[in-house]
Structures are given as C-alpha cells and as structure tokens.
C-alpha cells in the first residue's frame, strides 16, 4: 500500500481476537484515525478452540471458541462502529481457507488426536467451522456497509492451493501473502485513491 501513497501503520498482532481489537482501538488517539482507512482481519483466531482441553476431555467436555459464534457478529459490528466514530473508514478481509488435514496435524501434535477427532466428528469439520465464521464475517461487512476485501476467492480458485499455506494449514506462505497484498492494493486503488485518502491503520 505504501507504493500507492498510503502511510501504513501496522497495529496487527498474531493471535488477536475481536476483543483484542476492541481494546487496541481504544489505545489509538482519535486524531490518528481521522481520515484513515482501517483494515480488519478477524475470524481465524476467534473461531479457534482450546485444543489441549478438547484433547483432555473429548466428547465429555463443553467447549467455547475464543469468540463464541452467537457473539461474533455483534462484537464485530461494535468494533466497526467504534472505528467509524473516530472518523475512519473500514475495510474487512474475509478468511483465507484452511487446509483441514494440515491444521488437524498441527492442533493435535503432542495431544490425544483420537479424542480431538472423536469430538470433531470428522477432520472436515475444521474447514466447515472456519467457513462458518467466514460467512459471518462477510455478512457483517455487508450489513455495516464496509468494503469487503475478498482474499478468499483467489485461494479457492488456485490449482496451487497447498503452496499458499504453511505447514500448520492456516497461515499463508510468502506466496500466499503476495496474493493477499495484490487483492488489497487493487481494492484500495479502485476505491480509496481517487478520494485522496492516504492514511491506513491495519488492525
């Protein structure tokens, strides 16, 4: 984005959930956000579970993701509203699809994979659950009138999907990130550049 004339301020952190995002926004002076464009990329961490707990208790346990699904859309909408109150525009990325087999290997490493799988029902449940949060993310973007940065579709259409994700099955490789960069730059050039907006905060 810097090559398009935006001053990029990266406020993102690995492992952040929507609640973390809400707290981070409060720490940013309103003067720094006025006229900026804030990119939000949540969902992947929000839908994750405590796999050690699942491994220990299996089907006998009751588990909640980091951001429960019945709170996710409301919390996301609240975050967007909070940002707009500070004078910034909002763009929302949907979720990069996961490789369920790789991700299962990652979350079950040094754990009881049988208990985790028994609770899931099948490995593909990991993909479906992640896709469910993606659908909610896209719905929030649509209902709040936020720009949706569709980084998901290029992954789904790729014949080299396996090369776009790292060994954990969820984080992009350098090649995968290059696709994300291209989508974001193309969207910003089409939507924001003609408005003269050059501030950007990534959350």
N, C-alpha and C. Protein backbone atom coordinates (compact mmCIF):
# COMPACT_ATOMS: atom_id res chain seq x y z
N UNK A 1 0.81 -1.21 0.00
CA UNK A 1 0.00 0.00 0.00
C UNK A 1 0.84 1.26 0.00
N UNK A 2 2.05 1.17 0.52
CA UNK A 2 2.91 2.35 0.57
C UNK A 2 3.22 2.87 -0.82
N UNK A 3 3.29 1.95 -1.81
CA UNK A 3 3.58 2.38 -3.17
C UNK A 3 2.42 3.14 -3.79
N UNK A 4 1.24 3.04 -3.17
CA UNK A 4 0.08 3.78 -3.63
C UNK A 4 -0.04 5.13 -2.93
N UNK A 5 0.89 5.41 -2.02
CA UNK A 5 0.88 6.68 -1.33
C UNK A 5 0.26 6.65 0.05
N UNK A 6 -0.08 5.46 0.54
CA UNK A 6 -0.65 5.35 1.89
C UNK A 6 0.46 5.27 2.92
N UNK A 7 0.25 5.92 4.04
CA UNK A 7 1.14 5.77 5.19
C UNK A 7 0.62 4.59 6.01
N UNK A 8 1.33 3.49 5.95
CA UNK A 8 0.87 2.27 6.59
C UNK A 8 1.35 2.18 8.04
N UNK A 9 0.42 2.02 8.95
CA UNK A 9 0.73 1.83 10.37
C UNK A 9 0.17 0.47 10.76
N UNK A 10 1.05 -0.47 11.02
CA UNK A 10 0.61 -1.84 11.31
C UNK A 10 0.38 -2.04 12.81
N UNK A 11 -0.87 -2.20 13.17
CA UNK A 11 -1.24 -2.43 14.57
C UNK A 11 -1.64 -3.89 14.81
N UNK A 12 -1.47 -4.74 13.81
CA UNK A 12 -1.88 -6.14 13.93
C UNK A 12 -0.93 -6.92 14.83
N UNK A 13 -1.47 -7.95 15.46
CA UNK A 13 -0.69 -8.84 16.31
C UNK A 13 -1.16 -10.27 16.10
N UNK A 14 -0.22 -11.20 16.07
CA UNK A 14 -0.56 -12.61 15.95
C UNK A 14 -1.44 -13.03 17.12
N UNK A 15 -2.47 -13.80 16.82
CA UNK A 15 -3.33 -14.33 17.87
C UNK A 15 -4.45 -13.41 18.30
N UNK A 16 -4.55 -12.22 17.72
CA UNK A 16 -5.58 -11.27 18.12
C UNK A 16 -6.99 -11.79 17.80
N UNK A 17 -7.91 -11.53 18.72
CA UNK A 17 -9.33 -11.78 18.50
C UNK A 17 -10.05 -10.44 18.46
N UNK A 18 -11.35 -10.48 18.23
CA UNK A 18 -12.12 -9.24 18.19
C UNK A 18 -12.03 -8.45 19.49
N UNK A 19 -12.04 -9.15 20.61
CA UNK A 19 -11.93 -8.45 21.90
C UNK A 19 -10.60 -7.70 21.99
N UNK A 20 -9.54 -8.33 21.50
CA UNK A 20 -8.24 -7.66 21.49
C UNK A 20 -8.29 -6.43 20.59
N UNK A 21 -8.98 -6.56 19.46
CA UNK A 21 -9.11 -5.45 18.54
C UNK A 21 -9.84 -4.27 19.16
N UNK A 22 -10.89 -4.56 19.90
CA UNK A 22 -11.64 -3.50 20.58
C UNK A 22 -10.76 -2.76 21.58
N UNK A 23 -9.94 -3.49 22.30
CA UNK A 23 -9.03 -2.86 23.26
C UNK A 23 -7.95 -2.05 22.55
N UNK A 24 -7.45 -2.57 21.44
CA UNK A 24 -6.39 -1.88 20.70
C UNK A 24 -6.89 -0.56 20.13
N UNK A 25 -8.10 -0.56 19.61
CA UNK A 25 -8.67 0.67 19.05
C UNK A 25 -8.75 1.77 20.10
N UNK A 26 -9.09 1.39 21.33
CA UNK A 26 -9.20 2.38 22.41
C UNK A 26 -7.87 3.05 22.70
N UNK A 27 -6.77 2.36 22.40
CA UNK A 27 -5.44 2.89 22.69
C UNK A 27 -4.94 3.87 21.62
N UNK A 28 -5.61 3.89 20.47
CA UNK A 28 -5.16 4.74 19.36
C UNK A 28 -5.84 6.10 19.46
N UNK A 29 -5.09 7.19 19.51
CA UNK A 29 -5.70 8.52 19.57
C UNK A 29 -6.64 8.75 18.40
N UNK A 30 -7.78 9.37 18.67
CA UNK A 30 -8.76 9.63 17.62
C UNK A 30 -8.16 10.47 16.50
N UNK A 31 -7.23 11.36 16.84
CA UNK A 31 -6.60 12.21 15.82
C UNK A 31 -5.80 11.39 14.81
N UNK A 32 -5.29 10.23 15.24
CA UNK A 32 -4.53 9.36 14.34
C UNK A 32 -5.44 8.58 13.40
N UNK A 33 -6.71 8.49 13.73
CA UNK A 33 -7.63 7.70 12.94
C UNK A 33 -8.49 8.52 12.00
N UNK A 34 -8.62 9.80 12.28
CA UNK A 34 -9.47 10.66 11.46
C UNK A 34 -8.99 10.67 10.01
N UNK A 35 -9.84 10.23 9.10
CA UNK A 35 -9.50 10.21 7.69
C UNK A 35 -8.73 8.98 7.25
N UNK A 36 -8.46 8.08 8.17
CA UNK A 36 -7.70 6.86 7.85
C UNK A 36 -8.64 5.77 7.33
N UNK A 37 -8.04 4.72 6.82
CA UNK A 37 -8.78 3.52 6.44
C UNK A 37 -8.23 2.37 7.28
N UNK A 38 -9.10 1.75 8.05
CA UNK A 38 -8.68 0.67 8.94
C UNK A 38 -9.03 -0.67 8.31
N UNK A 39 -8.03 -1.51 8.14
CA UNK A 39 -8.26 -2.87 7.62
C UNK A 39 -8.42 -3.82 8.80
N UNK A 40 -9.53 -4.53 8.82
CA UNK A 40 -9.80 -5.51 9.87
C UNK A 40 -9.73 -6.92 9.29
N UNK A 41 -9.00 -7.78 9.97
CA UNK A 41 -8.87 -9.16 9.51
C UNK A 41 -9.04 -10.13 10.67
N UNK A 42 -10.28 -10.32 11.09
CA UNK A 42 -10.55 -11.19 12.24
C UNK A 42 -11.31 -12.44 11.81
N UNK A 43 -11.41 -13.38 12.72
CA UNK A 43 -12.19 -14.59 12.47
C UNK A 43 -11.41 -15.86 12.69
N UNK A 44 -10.20 -15.92 12.15
CA UNK A 44 -9.39 -17.13 12.25
C UNK A 44 -9.03 -17.50 13.67
N UNK A 45 -8.68 -16.51 14.47
CA UNK A 45 -8.37 -16.77 15.88
C UNK A 45 -9.65 -16.87 16.71
N UNK A 46 -10.65 -16.10 16.30
CA UNK A 46 -11.91 -16.08 17.05
C UNK A 46 -12.60 -17.44 17.07
N UNK A 47 -12.49 -18.18 15.98
CA UNK A 47 -13.20 -19.47 15.89
C UNK A 47 -12.39 -20.63 16.47
N UNK A 48 -11.20 -20.35 16.97
CA UNK A 48 -10.32 -21.41 17.46
C UNK A 48 -10.71 -21.86 18.87
N UNK A 49 -10.40 -23.11 19.17
CA UNK A 49 -10.71 -23.70 20.47
C UNK A 49 -9.43 -23.96 21.27
N UNK A 50 -9.61 -24.26 22.54
CA UNK A 50 -8.51 -24.71 23.39
C UNK A 50 -8.34 -26.20 23.14
N UNK A 51 -7.43 -26.53 22.23
CA UNK A 51 -7.31 -27.92 21.79
C UNK A 51 -6.71 -28.82 22.87
N UNK A 52 -5.96 -28.27 23.78
CA UNK A 52 -5.45 -29.06 24.90
C UNK A 52 -6.61 -29.54 25.77
N UNK A 53 -7.58 -28.67 25.96
CA UNK A 53 -8.75 -29.02 26.75
C UNK A 53 -9.59 -30.08 26.03
N UNK A 54 -9.76 -29.92 24.73
CA UNK A 54 -10.50 -30.91 23.94
C UNK A 54 -9.79 -32.25 23.99
N UNK A 55 -8.48 -32.21 23.89
CA UNK A 55 -7.68 -33.43 23.93
C UNK A 55 -7.82 -34.15 25.27
N UNK A 56 -7.99 -33.39 26.33
CA UNK A 56 -8.07 -33.99 27.66
C UNK A 56 -9.44 -34.58 27.95
N UNK A 57 -10.50 -33.89 27.50
CA UNK A 57 -11.85 -34.30 27.90
C UNK A 57 -12.68 -34.91 26.77
N UNK A 58 -12.29 -34.69 25.52
CA UNK A 58 -13.03 -35.27 24.40
C UNK A 58 -14.49 -34.88 24.39
N UNK A 59 -15.36 -35.85 24.06
CA UNK A 59 -16.78 -35.57 23.93
C UNK A 59 -17.46 -35.26 25.26
N UNK A 60 -16.79 -35.54 26.35
CA UNK A 60 -17.38 -35.29 27.67
C UNK A 60 -17.35 -33.81 28.04
N UNK A 61 -16.53 -33.03 27.34
CA UNK A 61 -16.40 -31.62 27.67
C UNK A 61 -17.34 -30.73 26.87
N UNK A 62 -17.50 -29.51 27.36
CA UNK A 62 -18.25 -28.47 26.66
C UNK A 62 -17.28 -27.35 26.37
N UNK A 63 -17.15 -26.97 25.11
CA UNK A 63 -16.09 -26.04 24.71
C UNK A 63 -16.68 -24.82 24.00
N UNK A 64 -16.00 -23.72 24.16
CA UNK A 64 -16.41 -22.49 23.50
C UNK A 64 -15.22 -21.92 22.74
N UNK A 65 -15.44 -21.46 21.51
CA UNK A 65 -14.35 -20.81 20.79
C UNK A 65 -13.97 -19.49 21.45
N UNK A 66 -12.86 -18.93 21.04
CA UNK A 66 -12.36 -17.71 21.68
C UNK A 66 -13.37 -16.57 21.60
N UNK A 67 -14.07 -16.48 20.48
CA UNK A 67 -15.22 -15.58 20.38
C UNK A 67 -16.42 -16.44 19.99
N UNK A 68 -17.34 -16.69 20.92
CA UNK A 68 -18.48 -17.56 20.62
C UNK A 68 -19.24 -17.10 19.38
N UNK A 69 -19.75 -18.07 18.63
CA UNK A 69 -20.41 -17.73 17.37
C UNK A 69 -21.64 -16.86 17.57
N UNK A 70 -22.33 -17.00 18.71
CA UNK A 70 -23.52 -16.19 18.94
C UNK A 70 -23.18 -14.76 19.37
N UNK A 71 -21.90 -14.47 19.55
CA UNK A 71 -21.46 -13.12 19.89
C UNK A 71 -20.65 -12.48 18.77
N UNK A 72 -20.23 -13.28 17.82
CA UNK A 72 -19.23 -12.84 16.84
C UNK A 72 -19.70 -11.65 16.00
N UNK A 73 -20.86 -11.75 15.40
CA UNK A 73 -21.32 -10.68 14.51
C UNK A 73 -21.57 -9.39 15.28
N UNK A 74 -22.17 -9.48 16.45
CA UNK A 74 -22.44 -8.29 17.25
C UNK A 74 -21.13 -7.62 17.68
N UNK A 75 -20.16 -8.44 18.09
CA UNK A 75 -18.87 -7.89 18.52
C UNK A 75 -18.14 -7.24 17.36
N UNK A 76 -18.18 -7.88 16.21
CA UNK A 76 -17.51 -7.32 15.02
C UNK A 76 -18.17 -5.99 14.62
N UNK A 77 -19.49 -5.97 14.62
CA UNK A 77 -20.21 -4.74 14.27
C UNK A 77 -19.89 -3.61 15.25
N UNK A 78 -19.74 -3.96 16.52
CA UNK A 78 -19.40 -2.95 17.54
C UNK A 78 -18.01 -2.38 17.29
N UNK A 79 -17.09 -3.23 16.88
CA UNK A 79 -15.74 -2.77 16.57
C UNK A 79 -15.76 -1.80 15.40
N UNK A 80 -16.50 -2.14 14.36
CA UNK A 80 -16.60 -1.28 13.19
C UNK A 80 -17.22 0.07 13.56
N UNK A 81 -18.27 0.03 14.36
CA UNK A 81 -18.92 1.27 14.80
C UNK A 81 -17.95 2.14 15.59
N UNK A 82 -17.16 1.52 16.46
CA UNK A 82 -16.19 2.25 17.27
C UNK A 82 -15.15 2.95 16.40
N UNK A 83 -14.73 2.29 15.35
CA UNK A 83 -13.74 2.87 14.43
C UNK A 83 -14.33 4.05 13.67
N UNK A 84 -15.55 3.89 13.19
CA UNK A 84 -16.19 4.97 12.43
C UNK A 84 -16.46 6.18 13.29
N UNK A 85 -16.74 5.96 14.55
CA UNK A 85 -16.96 7.09 15.46
C UNK A 85 -15.71 7.94 15.60
N UNK A 86 -14.55 7.36 15.29
CA UNK A 86 -13.28 8.08 15.36
C UNK A 86 -12.88 8.67 14.01
N UNK A 87 -13.80 8.61 13.04
CA UNK A 87 -13.57 9.29 11.77
C UNK A 87 -12.86 8.49 10.71
N UNK A 88 -12.76 7.18 10.88
CA UNK A 88 -12.05 6.35 9.90
C UNK A 88 -13.03 5.52 9.07
N UNK A 89 -12.60 5.17 7.86
CA UNK A 89 -13.32 4.20 7.05
C UNK A 89 -12.85 2.80 7.43
N UNK A 90 -13.64 1.80 7.05
CA UNK A 90 -13.33 0.42 7.42
C UNK A 90 -13.35 -0.49 6.20
N UNK A 91 -12.34 -1.34 6.12
CA UNK A 91 -12.31 -2.42 5.13
C UNK A 91 -12.13 -3.72 5.89
N UNK A 92 -12.84 -4.76 5.46
CA UNK A 92 -12.83 -6.05 6.16
C UNK A 92 -12.35 -7.14 5.22
N UNK A 93 -11.36 -7.91 5.66
CA UNK A 93 -10.95 -9.08 4.87
C UNK A 93 -11.79 -10.28 5.30
N UNK A 94 -12.16 -11.10 4.31
CA UNK A 94 -12.74 -12.38 4.69
C UNK A 94 -11.61 -13.33 5.06
N UNK A 95 -11.91 -14.59 5.27
CA UNK A 95 -10.92 -15.52 5.81
C UNK A 95 -10.26 -16.35 4.71
N UNK A 96 -8.95 -16.47 4.76
CA UNK A 96 -8.24 -17.39 3.88
C UNK A 96 -8.67 -18.81 4.25
N UNK A 97 -9.03 -19.65 3.28
CA UNK A 97 -9.44 -21.02 3.61
C UNK A 97 -8.30 -21.82 4.21
N UNK A 98 -8.65 -22.77 5.06
CA UNK A 98 -7.63 -23.59 5.70
C UNK A 98 -7.48 -24.93 4.99
N UNK A 99 -6.36 -25.59 5.24
CA UNK A 99 -6.16 -26.98 4.85
C UNK A 99 -6.46 -27.82 6.09
N UNK A 100 -7.62 -28.46 6.11
CA UNK A 100 -8.09 -29.14 7.33
C UNK A 100 -7.15 -30.23 7.80
N UNK A 101 -6.58 -30.99 6.87
CA UNK A 101 -5.68 -32.08 7.26
C UNK A 101 -4.42 -31.56 7.93
N UNK A 102 -3.82 -30.54 7.35
CA UNK A 102 -2.62 -29.95 7.94
C UNK A 102 -2.93 -29.31 9.29
N UNK A 103 -4.07 -28.62 9.34
CA UNK A 103 -4.43 -27.94 10.58
C UNK A 103 -4.70 -28.95 11.69
N UNK A 104 -5.33 -30.07 11.33
CA UNK A 104 -5.58 -31.11 12.33
C UNK A 104 -4.26 -31.66 12.88
N UNK A 105 -3.31 -31.89 12.00
CA UNK A 105 -2.00 -32.37 12.44
C UNK A 105 -1.34 -31.36 13.37
N UNK A 106 -1.54 -30.09 13.07
CA UNK A 106 -0.95 -29.02 13.87
C UNK A 106 -1.57 -28.96 15.27
N UNK A 107 -2.90 -28.96 15.34
CA UNK A 107 -3.56 -28.79 16.64
C UNK A 107 -3.48 -30.05 17.51
N UNK A 108 -3.26 -31.20 16.87
CA UNK A 108 -3.23 -32.46 17.64
C UNK A 108 -1.82 -32.92 17.98
N UNK A 109 -0.83 -32.14 17.57
CA UNK A 109 0.56 -32.51 17.88
C UNK A 109 0.76 -32.56 19.40
N UNK A 110 1.33 -33.67 19.87
CA UNK A 110 1.58 -33.89 21.30
C UNK A 110 0.29 -33.91 22.12
N UNK A 111 -0.84 -34.20 21.45
CA UNK A 111 -2.12 -34.29 22.14
C UNK A 111 -2.79 -35.61 21.76
N UNK A 112 -3.96 -35.86 22.34
CA UNK A 112 -4.71 -37.07 22.02
C UNK A 112 -5.54 -36.81 20.77
N UNK A 113 -4.98 -37.14 19.61
CA UNK A 113 -5.64 -36.85 18.34
C UNK A 113 -6.96 -37.61 18.20
N UNK A 114 -7.02 -38.81 18.80
CA UNK A 114 -8.25 -39.59 18.73
C UNK A 114 -9.41 -38.90 19.42
N UNK A 115 -9.15 -38.34 20.59
CA UNK A 115 -10.20 -37.63 21.31
C UNK A 115 -10.63 -36.37 20.56
N UNK A 116 -9.66 -35.66 20.01
CA UNK A 116 -10.00 -34.45 19.25
C UNK A 116 -10.85 -34.82 18.04
N UNK A 117 -10.45 -35.85 17.31
CA UNK A 117 -11.20 -36.27 16.13
C UNK A 117 -12.58 -36.78 16.51
N UNK A 118 -12.68 -37.49 17.60
CA UNK A 118 -13.97 -38.00 18.06
C UNK A 118 -14.92 -36.86 18.37
N UNK A 119 -14.38 -35.77 18.95
CA UNK A 119 -15.23 -34.61 19.24
C UNK A 119 -15.63 -33.89 17.96
N UNK A 120 -14.69 -33.76 17.03
CA UNK A 120 -14.98 -33.08 15.77
C UNK A 120 -16.01 -33.83 14.94
N UNK A 121 -15.91 -35.15 14.94
CA UNK A 121 -16.76 -35.97 14.09
C UNK A 121 -16.03 -36.40 12.83
N UNK A 122 -15.40 -35.44 12.19
CA UNK A 122 -14.53 -35.70 11.04
C UNK A 122 -13.61 -34.51 10.87
N UNK A 123 -12.49 -34.73 10.20
CA UNK A 123 -11.49 -33.67 10.05
C UNK A 123 -12.05 -32.48 9.30
N UNK A 124 -12.94 -32.73 8.35
CA UNK A 124 -13.51 -31.64 7.55
C UNK A 124 -14.32 -30.66 8.39
N UNK A 125 -14.69 -31.06 9.60
CA UNK A 125 -15.41 -30.15 10.49
C UNK A 125 -14.58 -28.90 10.76
N UNK A 126 -13.27 -29.05 10.77
CA UNK A 126 -12.40 -27.89 10.96
C UNK A 126 -12.61 -26.87 9.85
N UNK A 127 -12.70 -27.36 8.61
CA UNK A 127 -12.92 -26.47 7.47
C UNK A 127 -14.31 -25.84 7.54
N UNK A 128 -15.32 -26.66 7.86
CA UNK A 128 -16.69 -26.15 7.89
C UNK A 128 -16.87 -25.08 8.97
N UNK A 129 -16.28 -25.32 10.13
CA UNK A 129 -16.39 -24.35 11.23
C UNK A 129 -15.72 -23.03 10.85
N UNK A 130 -14.56 -23.13 10.24
CA UNK A 130 -13.84 -21.95 9.78
C UNK A 130 -14.64 -21.23 8.70
N UNK A 131 -15.26 -21.98 7.80
CA UNK A 131 -16.08 -21.41 6.74
C UNK A 131 -17.31 -20.71 7.32
N UNK A 132 -17.84 -21.26 8.38
CA UNK A 132 -18.99 -20.67 9.07
C UNK A 132 -18.64 -19.27 9.58
N UNK A 133 -17.48 -19.11 10.17
CA UNK A 133 -17.04 -17.80 10.64
C UNK A 133 -16.75 -16.87 9.46
N UNK A 134 -16.29 -17.42 8.35
CA UNK A 134 -16.09 -16.61 7.16
C UNK A 134 -17.43 -16.04 6.68
N UNK A 135 -18.46 -16.88 6.67
CA UNK A 135 -19.79 -16.42 6.23
C UNK A 135 -20.29 -15.31 7.14
N UNK A 136 -20.08 -15.44 8.44
CA UNK A 136 -20.50 -14.38 9.37
C UNK A 136 -19.70 -13.10 9.12
N UNK A 137 -18.42 -13.24 8.82
CA UNK A 137 -17.57 -12.08 8.55
C UNK A 137 -18.08 -11.32 7.33
N UNK A 138 -18.39 -12.05 6.27
CA UNK A 138 -18.88 -11.41 5.05
C UNK A 138 -20.24 -10.76 5.29
N UNK A 139 -21.06 -11.38 6.12
CA UNK A 139 -22.36 -10.80 6.43
C UNK A 139 -22.19 -9.49 7.21
N UNK A 140 -21.28 -9.46 8.15
CA UNK A 140 -21.01 -8.23 8.91
C UNK A 140 -20.54 -7.12 7.97
N UNK A 141 -19.62 -7.44 7.07
CA UNK A 141 -19.13 -6.44 6.12
C UNK A 141 -20.27 -5.88 5.29
N UNK A 142 -21.15 -6.76 4.83
CA UNK A 142 -22.28 -6.34 4.01
C UNK A 142 -23.27 -5.49 4.80
N UNK A 143 -23.60 -5.94 6.00
CA UNK A 143 -24.62 -5.24 6.78
C UNK A 143 -24.14 -3.91 7.34
N UNK A 144 -22.83 -3.76 7.51
CA UNK A 144 -22.29 -2.50 8.02
C UNK A 144 -21.83 -1.57 6.89
N UNK A 145 -21.95 -2.03 5.65
CA UNK A 145 -21.52 -1.21 4.52
C UNK A 145 -20.03 -1.04 4.43
N UNK A 146 -19.29 -2.02 4.94
CA UNK A 146 -17.82 -1.96 4.89
C UNK A 146 -17.31 -2.57 3.59
N UNK A 147 -16.18 -2.07 3.13
CA UNK A 147 -15.55 -2.65 1.94
C UNK A 147 -15.07 -4.05 2.28
N UNK A 148 -15.51 -5.04 1.50
CA UNK A 148 -15.04 -6.42 1.70
C UNK A 148 -13.84 -6.67 0.80
N UNK A 149 -12.72 -7.00 1.40
CA UNK A 149 -11.52 -7.35 0.66
C UNK A 149 -11.52 -8.87 0.50
N UNK A 150 -11.86 -9.34 -0.69
CA UNK A 150 -12.05 -10.77 -0.92
C UNK A 150 -10.72 -11.46 -1.18
N UNK A 151 -10.04 -11.82 -0.10
CA UNK A 151 -8.77 -12.54 -0.23
C UNK A 151 -8.99 -14.04 -0.30
N UNK A 152 -10.21 -14.49 -0.09
CA UNK A 152 -10.52 -15.92 -0.05
C UNK A 152 -10.63 -16.55 -1.45
N UNK A 153 -11.34 -15.86 -2.34
CA UNK A 153 -11.61 -16.43 -3.67
C UNK A 153 -10.35 -16.83 -4.43
N UNK A 154 -9.30 -16.01 -4.47
CA UNK A 154 -8.10 -16.43 -5.21
C UNK A 154 -7.50 -17.73 -4.68
N UNK A 155 -7.61 -17.96 -3.38
CA UNK A 155 -7.13 -19.22 -2.80
C UNK A 155 -7.99 -20.39 -3.29
N UNK A 156 -9.30 -20.21 -3.25
CA UNK A 156 -10.21 -21.28 -3.65
C UNK A 156 -10.06 -21.64 -5.12
N UNK A 157 -9.70 -20.67 -5.93
CA UNK A 157 -9.56 -20.91 -7.37
C UNK A 157 -8.19 -21.42 -7.77
N UNK A 158 -7.25 -21.38 -6.85
CA UNK A 158 -5.87 -21.73 -7.18
C UNK A 158 -5.66 -23.24 -7.34
N UNK A 159 -4.91 -23.61 -8.37
CA UNK A 159 -4.51 -25.01 -8.58
C UNK A 159 -3.23 -25.32 -7.79
N UNK A 160 -2.72 -24.32 -7.08
CA UNK A 160 -1.52 -24.49 -6.27
C UNK A 160 -1.83 -24.17 -4.81
N UNK A 161 -3.03 -24.55 -4.38
CA UNK A 161 -3.51 -24.20 -3.04
C UNK A 161 -2.55 -24.62 -1.94
N UNK A 162 -2.00 -25.82 -2.05
CA UNK A 162 -1.13 -26.32 -0.99
C UNK A 162 0.11 -25.46 -0.79
N UNK A 163 0.54 -24.77 -1.84
CA UNK A 163 1.73 -23.94 -1.73
C UNK A 163 1.43 -22.57 -1.13
N UNK A 164 0.16 -22.28 -0.92
CA UNK A 164 -0.24 -20.96 -0.41
C UNK A 164 -0.36 -20.94 1.11
N UNK A 165 -0.35 -22.13 1.73
CA UNK A 165 -0.47 -22.23 3.18
C UNK A 165 0.74 -22.91 3.77
N UNK A 166 1.10 -22.48 4.97
CA UNK A 166 2.25 -23.06 5.66
C UNK A 166 1.91 -24.45 6.21
N UNK A 167 2.85 -25.06 6.88
CA UNK A 167 2.68 -26.43 7.36
C UNK A 167 1.55 -26.57 8.38
N UNK A 168 1.21 -25.46 9.05
CA UNK A 168 0.13 -25.55 10.04
C UNK A 168 -1.25 -25.53 9.40
N UNK A 169 -1.31 -25.29 8.09
CA UNK A 169 -2.57 -25.36 7.38
C UNK A 169 -3.48 -24.17 7.51
N UNK A 170 -3.01 -23.11 8.16
CA UNK A 170 -3.88 -21.95 8.37
C UNK A 170 -3.20 -20.62 8.04
N UNK A 171 -1.89 -20.52 8.26
CA UNK A 171 -1.18 -19.27 7.97
C UNK A 171 -0.61 -19.29 6.55
N UNK A 172 -0.73 -18.18 5.83
CA UNK A 172 -0.23 -18.13 4.46
C UNK A 172 1.30 -18.23 4.39
N UNK A 173 1.76 -18.74 3.27
CA UNK A 173 3.19 -18.69 2.96
C UNK A 173 3.49 -17.33 2.33
N UNK A 174 4.74 -17.11 2.00
CA UNK A 174 5.10 -15.86 1.32
C UNK A 174 4.32 -15.72 0.02
N UNK A 175 4.17 -16.83 -0.69
CA UNK A 175 3.39 -16.82 -1.93
C UNK A 175 1.93 -16.48 -1.65
N UNK A 176 1.41 -17.03 -0.55
CA UNK A 176 0.03 -16.74 -0.18
C UNK A 176 -0.17 -15.29 0.20
N UNK A 177 0.79 -14.73 0.93
CA UNK A 177 0.69 -13.32 1.31
C UNK A 177 0.77 -12.39 0.09
N UNK A 178 1.48 -12.81 -0.93
CA UNK A 178 1.57 -11.97 -2.13
C UNK A 178 0.20 -11.84 -2.80
N UNK A 179 -0.61 -12.90 -2.71
CA UNK A 179 -1.97 -12.84 -3.24
C UNK A 179 -2.81 -11.86 -2.42
N UNK A 180 -2.68 -11.94 -1.11
CA UNK A 180 -3.41 -11.03 -0.23
C UNK A 180 -3.03 -9.58 -0.52
N UNK A 181 -1.74 -9.33 -0.65
CA UNK A 181 -1.26 -7.98 -0.95
C UNK A 181 -1.86 -7.46 -2.25
N UNK A 182 -1.91 -8.32 -3.26
CA UNK A 182 -2.42 -7.91 -4.57
C UNK A 182 -3.90 -7.53 -4.49
N UNK A 183 -4.68 -8.32 -3.76
CA UNK A 183 -6.11 -8.04 -3.61
C UNK A 183 -6.32 -6.71 -2.88
N UNK A 184 -5.61 -6.51 -1.80
CA UNK A 184 -5.78 -5.29 -1.01
C UNK A 184 -5.36 -4.06 -1.81
N UNK A 185 -4.22 -4.14 -2.47
CA UNK A 185 -3.75 -2.99 -3.26
C UNK A 185 -4.71 -2.66 -4.39
N UNK A 186 -5.21 -3.68 -5.07
CA UNK A 186 -6.14 -3.46 -6.17
C UNK A 186 -7.43 -2.81 -5.67
N UNK A 187 -7.93 -3.28 -4.54
CA UNK A 187 -9.17 -2.73 -4.00
C UNK A 187 -8.99 -1.29 -3.53
N UNK A 188 -7.88 -1.02 -2.85
CA UNK A 188 -7.62 0.33 -2.36
C UNK A 188 -7.43 1.31 -3.52
N UNK A 189 -6.76 0.86 -4.55
CA UNK A 189 -6.54 1.73 -5.70
C UNK A 189 -7.87 2.08 -6.35
N UNK A 190 -8.77 1.12 -6.42
CA UNK A 190 -10.06 1.34 -7.08
C UNK A 190 -11.01 2.17 -6.23
N UNK A 191 -10.97 2.00 -4.91
CA UNK A 191 -11.98 2.60 -4.05
C UNK A 191 -11.52 3.88 -3.36
N UNK A 192 -10.29 3.89 -2.84
CA UNK A 192 -9.86 4.98 -1.97
C UNK A 192 -8.95 6.01 -2.62
N UNK A 193 -8.14 5.60 -3.58
CA UNK A 193 -7.13 6.53 -4.10
C UNK A 193 -7.75 7.79 -4.69
N UNK A 194 -8.87 7.64 -5.40
CA UNK A 194 -9.47 8.81 -6.03
C UNK A 194 -10.08 9.75 -5.01
N UNK A 195 -10.26 9.28 -3.76
CA UNK A 195 -10.81 10.13 -2.70
C UNK A 195 -9.73 10.94 -1.99
N UNK A 196 -8.47 10.66 -2.32
CA UNK A 196 -7.38 11.38 -1.69
C UNK A 196 -7.04 10.90 -0.31
N UNK A 197 -7.54 9.71 0.06
CA UNK A 197 -7.25 9.16 1.38
C UNK A 197 -5.91 8.45 1.35
N UNK A 198 -5.07 8.74 2.32
CA UNK A 198 -3.73 8.16 2.32
C UNK A 198 -3.33 7.61 3.70
N UNK A 199 -4.23 7.66 4.67
CA UNK A 199 -3.90 7.10 5.98
C UNK A 199 -4.40 5.67 6.08
N UNK A 200 -3.64 4.80 6.70
CA UNK A 200 -4.09 3.42 6.83
C UNK A 200 -3.60 2.83 8.14
N UNK A 201 -4.49 2.24 8.89
CA UNK A 201 -4.12 1.53 10.10
C UNK A 201 -4.58 0.09 9.95
N UNK A 202 -3.67 -0.86 10.05
CA UNK A 202 -4.04 -2.28 9.96
C UNK A 202 -4.21 -2.82 11.36
N UNK A 203 -5.36 -3.42 11.65
CA UNK A 203 -5.62 -3.94 12.99
C UNK A 203 -5.66 -5.47 12.93
